[in-house]
Protein backbone atom coordinates (compact mmCIF):
# COMPACT_ATOMS: atom_id res chain seq x y z
CA MET A 1 -22.15 38.71 20.06
CA SER A 2 -25.53 37.33 21.14
CA TRP A 3 -26.09 36.78 24.80
CA SER A 4 -26.82 33.12 24.14
CA ASP A 5 -23.30 32.77 22.72
CA ASN A 6 -21.82 33.98 26.02
CA ASN A 7 -22.97 31.01 28.09
CA ASN A 8 -26.44 32.55 28.53
CA ASN A 9 -25.09 35.58 30.44
CA ASP A 10 -26.96 38.81 29.75
CA PRO A 11 -25.11 42.16 29.77
CA TRP A 12 -26.03 42.70 33.45
CA GLY A 13 -24.22 39.56 34.56
CA SER A 14 -27.18 37.34 35.46
CA SER A 15 -26.57 33.71 34.54
CA GLY A 16 -29.01 31.31 32.95
CA ASN A 17 -27.27 28.27 34.48
CA GLY A 18 -29.06 28.42 37.84
CA SER A 19 -30.39 25.33 39.51
CA GLY A 20 -34.05 26.32 39.23
CA ARG A 21 -36.27 27.19 36.30
CA ARG A 22 -35.17 30.34 34.54
CA GLY A 23 -37.66 33.20 35.03
CA PRO A 24 -38.56 35.99 32.61
CA GLY A 25 -35.87 38.52 31.67
CA PRO A 26 -35.43 41.75 33.70
CA ASN A 27 -37.66 44.70 32.91
CA MET A 28 -35.61 47.59 31.51
CA ASP A 29 -37.65 50.23 33.35
CA ASP A 30 -37.08 48.45 36.66
CA VAL A 31 -33.35 48.20 36.00
CA ILE A 32 -33.08 51.91 35.21
CA ARG A 33 -35.20 52.85 38.23
CA ASN A 34 -33.06 50.74 40.56
CA ALA A 35 -29.87 52.23 39.14
CA GLN A 36 -31.26 55.74 39.63
CA ASN A 37 -32.09 55.03 43.24
CA LYS A 38 -28.54 53.78 43.87
CA PHE A 39 -26.97 56.82 42.26
CA LYS A 40 -29.29 59.14 44.17
CA GLY A 41 -27.81 57.82 47.37
CA MET A 42 -24.26 58.40 46.14
CA MET A 43 -24.52 61.80 44.47
CA PRO A 44 -26.11 65.15 45.24
CA GLY A 45 -29.65 65.50 44.11
CA SER A 46 -28.99 68.32 41.67
CA PHE A 47 -26.15 66.46 39.95
CA PHE A 48 -28.13 63.29 39.58
CA GLY A 49 -31.14 65.12 38.38
CA LYS A 50 -29.20 66.56 35.46
CA LEU A 51 -26.68 63.82 34.55
CA GLY A 52 -28.04 60.67 36.13
CA PRO A 53 -29.89 59.25 33.11
CA MET A 54 -26.96 59.97 30.80
CA VAL A 55 -24.51 58.24 33.15
CA ILE A 56 -26.71 55.19 33.37
CA ILE A 57 -27.13 55.08 29.61
CA GLY A 58 -23.37 55.46 29.16
CA ILE A 59 -22.68 52.59 31.56
CA LEU A 60 -25.18 50.40 29.77
CA ILE A 61 -23.55 51.24 26.43
CA LEU A 62 -20.12 50.34 27.84
CA ILE A 63 -21.46 47.04 29.12
CA TRP A 64 -23.05 46.36 25.74
CA LEU A 65 -19.82 47.21 23.91
CA ALA A 66 -17.80 45.03 26.30
CA SER A 67 -19.99 42.07 25.43
CA GLY A 68 -18.30 42.04 22.01
CA PHE A 69 -15.10 40.52 23.35
CA TYR A 70 -14.80 36.78 22.72
CA ARG A 71 -12.10 34.11 22.80
CA VAL A 72 -11.31 31.61 20.05
CA LEU A 73 -9.72 28.39 21.33
CA PRO A 74 -6.61 26.88 19.66
CA ASP A 75 -8.68 24.19 17.91
CA GLU A 76 -11.28 26.67 16.60
CA GLN A 77 -11.80 29.43 14.06
CA GLY A 78 -14.09 32.39 14.60
CA VAL A 79 -16.61 33.19 11.87
CA VAL A 80 -18.09 36.70 12.16
CA LEU A 81 -21.54 37.54 10.76
CA GLN A 82 -22.76 41.11 10.37
CA PHE A 83 -26.53 41.28 10.16
CA GLY A 84 -26.46 37.61 9.11
CA LYS A 85 -23.85 38.07 6.37
CA TYR A 86 -20.38 36.52 6.58
CA THR A 87 -17.67 39.17 6.92
CA ASN A 88 -14.42 37.58 8.09
CA THR A 89 -12.70 34.70 9.90
CA THR A 90 -10.72 35.22 13.11
CA GLN A 91 -7.86 33.14 14.48
CA PRO A 92 -7.37 31.68 17.99
CA GLY A 93 -6.98 34.22 20.76
CA LEU A 94 -8.90 37.17 22.18
CA ASN A 95 -10.96 38.96 19.50
CA TYR A 96 -13.66 41.57 19.27
CA HIS A 97 -16.83 42.02 17.24
CA LEU A 98 -19.65 44.51 17.32
CA PRO A 99 -22.12 43.29 19.93
CA TYR A 100 -25.39 41.55 19.17
CA PRO A 101 -27.57 42.17 17.22
CA ILE A 102 -25.11 43.84 14.85
CA GLU A 103 -22.64 40.96 14.67
CA ARG A 104 -22.52 37.35 15.81
CA VAL A 105 -19.69 34.79 16.01
CA PHE A 106 -19.58 31.04 15.42
CA THR A 107 -16.53 29.04 16.51
CA PRO A 108 -16.43 25.60 14.83
CA LYS A 109 -13.61 23.22 15.74
CA VAL A 110 -11.21 22.99 12.79
CA THR A 111 -8.68 20.45 14.11
CA LYS A 112 -11.17 17.74 15.03
CA ILE A 113 -10.95 14.66 12.78
CA ASN A 114 -14.43 13.63 11.67
CA ARG A 115 -15.36 10.22 10.29
CA ILE A 116 -17.93 9.06 7.74
CA ASP A 117 -18.61 5.32 7.21
CA VAL A 118 -19.76 4.19 3.76
CA GLY A 119 -21.17 0.71 3.12
CA TYR A 120 -21.70 -0.16 6.77
CA ARG A 121 -22.83 1.27 10.09
CA GLN A 122 -21.25 0.72 13.48
CA SER A 123 -23.21 0.34 16.68
CA PRO A 124 -23.49 3.68 18.55
CA ASP A 125 -22.57 1.81 21.73
CA SER A 126 -18.75 1.74 21.87
CA ARG A 127 -18.91 -1.41 24.00
CA VAL A 128 -20.55 -3.33 21.15
CA THR A 129 -18.70 -4.10 17.92
CA ALA A 130 -21.78 -5.00 15.86
CA ILE A 131 -21.58 -3.84 12.25
CA ARG A 132 -24.54 -3.60 9.90
CA ASP A 133 -23.84 -3.87 6.17
CA VAL A 134 -25.56 -1.38 3.83
CA GLU A 135 -25.60 -3.14 0.47
CA GLU A 136 -26.99 -0.20 -1.52
CA GLU A 137 -23.76 1.63 -0.65
CA SER A 138 -21.24 -1.24 -0.52
CA LEU A 139 -21.97 -3.23 -3.71
CA MET A 140 -19.92 -1.84 -6.61
CA LEU A 141 -19.05 -2.94 -10.16
CA THR A 142 -15.38 -3.53 -10.98
CA GLY A 143 -13.58 -2.82 -14.23
CA ASP A 144 -13.64 -6.50 -15.23
CA GLU A 145 -17.43 -6.71 -14.69
CA ASN A 146 -17.39 -8.37 -11.28
CA ILE A 147 -19.20 -7.22 -8.15
CA VAL A 148 -17.33 -6.40 -4.97
CA ASP A 149 -18.73 -5.70 -1.51
CA ILE A 150 -16.56 -2.91 -0.08
CA ASP A 151 -16.81 -1.01 3.22
CA PHE A 152 -14.65 2.03 3.84
CA SER A 153 -14.31 5.09 6.08
CA VAL A 154 -13.49 8.69 5.20
CA PHE A 155 -11.68 10.97 7.66
CA TRP A 156 -11.98 14.75 7.22
CA LEU A 157 -11.56 18.08 8.98
CA ILE A 158 -12.49 21.73 8.41
CA ASN A 159 -9.86 23.91 6.71
CA ASP A 160 -12.03 26.99 6.06
CA ALA A 161 -14.74 27.61 8.64
CA GLY A 162 -16.47 30.30 6.57
CA LYS A 163 -16.94 28.06 3.53
CA PHE A 164 -17.88 25.13 5.74
CA LEU A 165 -20.69 27.02 7.50
CA PHE A 166 -22.24 28.85 4.56
CA ASN A 167 -21.42 26.98 1.32
CA VAL A 168 -22.72 23.56 2.37
CA GLN A 169 -26.09 22.88 3.94
CA SER A 170 -25.29 19.33 5.12
CA PRO A 171 -21.50 18.74 5.26
CA GLU A 172 -21.66 15.09 6.37
CA LEU A 173 -24.12 14.14 3.66
CA THR A 174 -22.01 15.99 1.08
CA VAL A 175 -18.83 14.17 2.14
CA LYS A 176 -20.62 10.82 2.11
CA SER A 177 -22.10 11.35 -1.36
CA ALA A 178 -18.76 12.51 -2.76
CA ALA A 179 -16.99 9.55 -1.15
CA GLU A 180 -19.39 7.00 -2.61
CA THR A 181 -19.14 8.58 -6.06
CA ALA A 182 -15.33 8.67 -5.98
CA MET A 183 -15.03 5.08 -4.73
CA ARG A 184 -17.36 3.78 -7.46
CA GLU A 185 -15.21 5.51 -10.07
CA SER A 186 -12.00 4.04 -8.60
CA ILE A 187 -13.49 0.53 -8.34
CA GLY A 188 -14.82 0.78 -11.89
CA GLN A 189 -11.26 1.25 -13.19
CA ALA A 190 -9.72 -1.69 -11.28
CA THR A 191 -9.93 -5.48 -11.48
CA ILE A 192 -11.40 -7.52 -8.67
CA GLN A 193 -8.09 -9.32 -8.18
CA SER A 194 -6.22 -6.07 -7.52
CA ILE A 195 -9.01 -4.80 -5.25
CA LEU A 196 -8.85 -7.90 -3.08
CA THR A 197 -5.05 -8.11 -2.94
CA GLU A 198 -2.28 -5.60 -3.53
CA GLY A 199 -4.31 -2.80 -5.16
CA ARG A 200 -6.15 -1.48 -2.08
CA THR A 201 -3.62 1.21 -1.18
CA GLU A 202 -3.67 2.63 -4.70
CA ILE A 203 -7.48 2.67 -4.72
CA GLU A 204 -7.58 4.44 -1.33
CA ASP A 205 -5.18 7.16 -2.50
CA LYS A 206 -7.02 7.64 -5.78
CA THR A 207 -10.39 7.85 -4.01
CA ARG A 208 -9.08 10.42 -1.53
CA ILE A 209 -7.87 12.65 -4.38
CA LEU A 210 -11.19 12.35 -6.24
CA ILE A 211 -13.21 13.21 -3.10
CA GLN A 212 -11.04 16.26 -2.47
CA GLU A 213 -11.52 17.46 -6.06
CA ILE A 214 -15.30 17.17 -5.73
CA LEU A 215 -15.40 19.01 -2.40
CA ASP A 216 -13.08 21.76 -3.64
CA GLU A 217 -15.30 22.25 -6.67
CA TYR A 218 -18.25 22.94 -4.35
CA GLY A 219 -16.15 25.15 -2.03
CA THR A 220 -16.95 23.15 1.09
CA GLY A 221 -13.90 24.19 3.13
CA ILE A 222 -13.24 20.51 3.97
CA THR A 223 -9.95 18.57 3.73
CA ILE A 224 -9.97 14.79 3.32
CA THR A 225 -7.15 13.36 5.43
CA GLN A 226 -7.57 9.63 4.77
CA VAL A 227 -9.66 6.97 3.06
CA GLN A 228 -9.45 3.62 4.84
CA THR A 229 -10.82 0.37 3.43
CA GLN A 230 -12.42 -1.76 6.13
CA LYS A 231 -13.49 -4.73 4.02
CA ALA A 232 -13.40 -5.80 0.37
CA ASP A 233 -14.95 -9.16 -0.49
CA PRO A 234 -17.07 -10.74 -3.21
CA PRO A 235 -20.81 -10.74 -2.49
CA ALA A 236 -21.88 -13.29 0.12
CA GLN A 237 -23.83 -15.27 -2.49
CA VAL A 238 -20.68 -16.15 -4.49
CA ILE A 239 -17.94 -15.96 -1.88
CA ASP A 240 -17.56 -19.77 -1.66
CA ALA A 241 -17.09 -20.09 -5.41
CA PHE A 242 -14.70 -17.19 -5.38
CA ARG A 243 -12.65 -18.81 -2.64
CA ASP A 244 -12.43 -21.98 -4.76
CA VAL A 245 -11.12 -19.88 -7.63
CA GLN A 246 -8.62 -18.22 -5.31
CA ALA A 247 -7.47 -21.63 -4.05
CA ALA A 248 -7.03 -22.86 -7.63
CA ARG A 249 -5.01 -19.78 -8.47
CA ALA A 250 -2.87 -20.33 -5.39
CA ASP A 251 -2.26 -23.95 -6.45
CA ARG A 252 -1.37 -22.80 -9.94
CA GLU A 253 1.06 -20.27 -8.56
CA ARG A 254 2.60 -22.85 -6.24
CA GLN A 255 3.07 -25.36 -9.06
CA ARG A 256 4.52 -22.67 -11.27
CA ASN A 257 7.01 -21.76 -8.57
CA GLU A 258 7.95 -25.41 -8.10
CA ALA A 259 8.44 -25.82 -11.85
CA GLU A 260 10.60 -22.71 -12.01
CA SER A 261 12.63 -23.96 -9.05
CA TYR A 262 13.15 -27.34 -10.74
CA ALA A 263 14.09 -25.64 -14.01
CA ASN A 264 16.54 -23.38 -12.21
CA ASP A 265 18.16 -26.49 -10.74
CA ILE A 266 18.17 -28.87 -13.71
CA ILE A 267 19.05 -26.46 -16.52
CA PRO A 268 22.43 -25.37 -15.09
CA ARG A 269 23.32 -29.00 -14.39
CA ALA A 270 22.33 -30.05 -17.91
CA ARG A 271 24.36 -27.21 -19.35
CA GLY A 272 27.34 -28.27 -17.24
CA GLU A 273 27.06 -31.87 -18.39
CA ALA A 274 26.71 -30.77 -22.01
CA GLU A 275 29.79 -28.60 -21.67
CA GLN A 276 31.69 -31.52 -20.16
CA ILE A 277 30.65 -33.80 -23.05
CA LEU A 278 31.73 -31.17 -25.56
CA GLN A 279 35.10 -30.81 -23.88
CA SER A 280 35.58 -34.62 -23.80
CA ALA A 281 34.64 -34.86 -27.46
CA GLU A 282 37.02 -32.06 -28.32
CA GLY A 283 39.82 -33.82 -26.40
CA TYR A 284 39.09 -37.11 -28.17
CA ARG A 285 39.08 -35.35 -31.52
CA GLN A 286 42.43 -33.76 -30.82
CA LYS A 287 43.84 -37.12 -29.68
CA VAL A 288 42.60 -38.98 -32.76
CA ILE A 289 43.95 -36.30 -35.04
CA ALA A 290 47.31 -36.37 -33.27
CA ASP A 291 47.48 -40.20 -33.46
CA SER A 292 46.52 -40.18 -37.11
CA GLU A 293 49.06 -37.52 -37.90
CA GLY A 294 51.71 -39.51 -35.99
CA LYS A 295 50.87 -42.73 -37.83
CA ALA A 296 50.90 -40.91 -41.14
CA ALA A 297 54.28 -39.39 -40.35
CA ARG A 298 55.64 -42.83 -39.32
CA PHE A 299 54.30 -44.41 -42.49
CA LEU A 300 55.93 -41.75 -44.62
CA SER A 301 59.19 -42.25 -42.75
CA ILE A 302 59.05 -46.03 -43.33
CA GLN A 303 58.24 -45.48 -46.98
CA GLU A 304 61.25 -43.25 -47.29
CA GLU A 305 63.49 -45.90 -45.65
CA TYR A 306 61.94 -48.65 -47.77
CA ALA A 307 62.80 -46.75 -50.91
CA LYS A 308 66.42 -46.64 -49.80
CA ALA A 309 66.78 -50.33 -48.64
CA PRO A 310 63.78 -52.53 -49.37
CA SER A 311 65.09 -55.86 -47.99
CA VAL A 312 66.38 -54.40 -44.77
CA THR A 313 63.19 -52.50 -44.24
CA LYS A 314 61.08 -55.60 -44.85
CA LYS A 315 63.01 -57.60 -42.27
CA ARG A 316 62.78 -54.81 -39.72
CA ILE A 317 59.06 -54.52 -40.26
CA PHE A 318 58.69 -58.30 -40.01
CA TYR A 319 60.65 -58.46 -36.75
CA GLU A 320 58.72 -55.57 -35.25
CA THR A 321 55.44 -57.18 -36.23
CA MET A 322 56.44 -60.55 -34.73
CA GLU A 323 57.55 -58.75 -31.59
CA ASP A 324 54.15 -57.15 -31.25
CA VAL A 325 52.33 -60.42 -31.97
CA PHE A 326 54.31 -62.67 -29.63
CA SER A 327 55.02 -60.20 -26.84
CA ASP A 328 52.03 -61.35 -24.75
CA MET A 329 52.01 -65.06 -25.72
CA ASP A 330 53.57 -68.19 -24.15
CA LYS A 331 56.16 -69.57 -26.52
CA VAL A 332 57.97 -72.94 -27.02
CA ILE A 333 61.24 -72.71 -28.92
CA ILE A 334 62.67 -75.86 -30.67
CA ASP A 335 66.19 -76.03 -31.94
CA LYS A 336 66.01 -77.21 -35.50
CA THR A 337 69.61 -78.55 -35.37
CA GLY A 338 68.70 -81.18 -32.77
CA GLY A 339 68.27 -83.87 -35.45
CA ASP A 340 65.33 -85.47 -37.10
CA SER A 341 65.55 -88.66 -35.02
CA VAL A 342 64.58 -86.90 -31.86
CA VAL A 343 60.82 -86.68 -31.32
CA PRO A 344 60.01 -83.41 -29.61
CA TYR A 345 57.71 -83.51 -26.57
CA LEU A 346 55.29 -80.73 -26.24
CA PRO A 347 53.36 -80.58 -22.92
CA LEU A 348 50.13 -79.36 -24.53
CA PRO A 349 47.84 -79.94 -21.48
CA GLU A 350 50.13 -77.88 -19.27
CA LEU A 351 50.32 -75.17 -21.90
CA LYS A 352 46.54 -75.15 -22.16
CA LYS A 353 46.19 -74.81 -18.37
CA THR A 354 48.66 -71.97 -18.43
CA GLN A 355 46.64 -70.24 -21.14
CA ASP A 356 43.44 -70.75 -19.14
């Protein structure tokens, strides 16, 4: 691993994070000479004279080899390069690689959620919510030949650090280009009505799948986690007219609902009344038929009796008829045997008043 990857610590432990300006690196001859002087004080002269340089070189080699240990954090992956060529990926924990300049390690964060905005730009100051619209990205053509102004965000993370580092030169630009292409394809297959109302979720899911397919085809090592629509409106130049159309459609839908509600109320009542009329007519028909059949049976019975005794039958019919005629009338009965000399008195005015 390069010394710069170890927080600017060289193999001899000197740190580059001092408070002053960093001076030039140590001279190797001076380091060896100082080490020899220290060992001369610790060991006999003959021993150091024979083995001193080898011991120092061995210690330096051990220090150099020890510099190959490195730690990968839980939210990272280690990518090992050998002479600039990718060799393998290491997982979180303590790992080892051949020290610099043979091998180097990069540790990108693979659990961090990254965000790309398409169609708009947010202010870099988190305290300000200003948004700038980018029309060359946001204006898109719908499937029914309308124009929609759509802003959306793409959220992504790294799933393969090796592919991410070496297969793509500019990951953010690649994700943004793929996102814009996928969204234009999704918008081009939808109507403006569905885009502005209930079809947004379907468009977001479809766009996410299309972006992932494009990135997988290029081997970017990126996973798209979410596509989120921020705004979807008609262009500003026609938004007033579009709102009028939307209001007219809302009125049409309201009137249609009212008509359906009225129909649902009046039709059952009309059917009930029609059924009642049919039942009354059926009852009347049955009654008329029964009366007619009864009268016919009575007539046949009278005819049969008349054939047996005509005079008796005539009188009985006459009496029954008179009974029916005079049953509800005021009557004055005069005894014919009273004599012709008696002039009968009929109180006609009183009878008339009674009738009135």
